[in-house]
Protein backbone atom coordinates (compact mmCIF):
# COMPACT_ATOMS: atom_id res chain seq x y z
CA UNK A 1 52.47 17.71 -64.28
CA UNK A 2 50.35 15.37 -66.40
CA UNK A 3 50.73 15.71 -70.19
CA UNK A 4 47.70 15.20 -72.40
CA UNK A 5 47.45 15.48 -76.18
CA UNK A 6 46.63 19.23 -76.32
CA UNK A 7 46.84 20.28 -72.68
CA UNK A 8 48.70 19.69 -69.44
CA UNK A 9 47.60 19.44 -65.82
CA UNK A 10 49.71 21.52 -63.45
CA UNK A 11 49.82 21.87 -59.69
CA UNK A 12 50.40 25.37 -58.37
CA UNK A 13 51.71 25.75 -54.83
CA UNK A 14 50.54 28.98 -53.24
CA UNK A 15 52.69 31.08 -50.96
CA UNK A 16 50.12 30.25 -48.26
CA UNK A 17 50.83 26.54 -48.65
CA UNK A 18 47.77 25.47 -50.67
CA UNK A 19 47.85 23.38 -53.84
CA UNK A 20 45.69 24.37 -56.81
CA UNK A 21 45.31 21.98 -59.74
CA UNK A 22 44.75 23.53 -63.15
CA UNK A 23 44.67 22.46 -66.79
CA UNK A 24 46.32 24.66 -69.42
CA UNK A 25 46.52 24.19 -73.15
CA UNK A 26 49.94 23.54 -74.63
CA UNK A 27 49.50 26.66 -76.78
CA UNK A 28 48.92 28.87 -73.71
CA UNK A 29 51.77 27.15 -71.88
CA UNK A 30 54.12 28.04 -74.72
CA UNK A 31 52.83 31.63 -75.04
CA UNK A 32 53.29 32.26 -71.31
CA UNK A 33 56.67 30.53 -71.21
CA UNK A 34 55.74 28.61 -68.06
CA UNK A 35 58.00 26.01 -66.55
CA UNK A 36 58.37 24.41 -63.13
CA UNK A 37 59.63 26.93 -60.57
CA UNK A 38 58.21 30.02 -62.31
CA UNK A 39 56.59 32.58 -59.94
CA UNK A 40 53.10 33.36 -61.26
CA UNK A 41 49.81 35.02 -60.34
CA UNK A 42 46.74 32.82 -60.73
CA UNK A 43 43.23 34.21 -61.14
CA UNK A 44 40.46 31.85 -60.09
CA UNK A 45 37.21 32.30 -62.00
CA UNK A 46 34.51 29.91 -60.87
CA UNK A 47 30.74 29.98 -61.34
CA UNK A 48 30.16 28.70 -57.81
CA UNK A 49 31.82 27.68 -54.58
CA UNK A 50 30.48 24.86 -52.41
CA UNK A 51 30.76 25.35 -48.65
CA UNK A 52 30.38 22.42 -46.28
CA UNK A 53 30.25 22.49 -42.49
CA UNK A 54 32.21 19.47 -41.37
CA UNK A 55 35.57 18.36 -40.09
CA UNK A 56 35.99 15.41 -42.46
CA UNK A 57 37.05 15.51 -46.09
CA UNK A 58 34.04 16.15 -48.35
CA UNK A 59 32.99 13.40 -50.74
CA UNK A 60 33.75 15.22 -53.97
CA UNK A 61 35.98 14.73 -56.98
CA UNK A 62 37.34 18.26 -56.71
CA UNK A 63 41.07 18.55 -56.18
CA UNK A 64 40.93 22.22 -55.18
CA UNK A 65 39.63 22.13 -51.62
CA UNK A 66 40.61 24.46 -48.81
CA UNK A 67 39.72 24.62 -45.15
CA UNK A 68 39.00 28.02 -43.71
CA UNK A 69 37.17 30.06 -41.13
CA UNK A 70 34.38 32.47 -42.04
CA UNK A 71 35.66 35.95 -41.28
CA UNK A 72 32.55 37.96 -42.14
CA UNK A 73 29.31 37.76 -44.08
CA UNK A 74 28.42 40.65 -46.35
CA UNK A 75 24.76 40.77 -47.30
CA UNK A 76 23.86 42.32 -50.68
CA UNK A 77 22.25 45.76 -50.59
CA UNK A 78 18.55 45.78 -51.41
CA UNK A 79 17.75 47.47 -54.69
CA UNK A 80 15.26 50.32 -54.41
CA UNK A 81 15.86 50.75 -50.68
CA UNK A 82 14.24 49.03 -47.73
CA UNK A 83 10.45 48.94 -47.43
């Protein structure tokens, strides 16, 4: 945990073994009553996800990176039906 003037940076350890870094305001921290060791549910809301095909670590400043295998690809349905 890194303390800043009005917010703190926390690391969440998922049941699956991943680490997610998040920043939460001190006000929200107090309202939720969070402390180290508390079991929580985290909702990830992101405007985009970057996928990279490689075996090496990507050159990015992001702390929330996961390796995975594509299970399926779901194409969006065409509006108005197929031509």
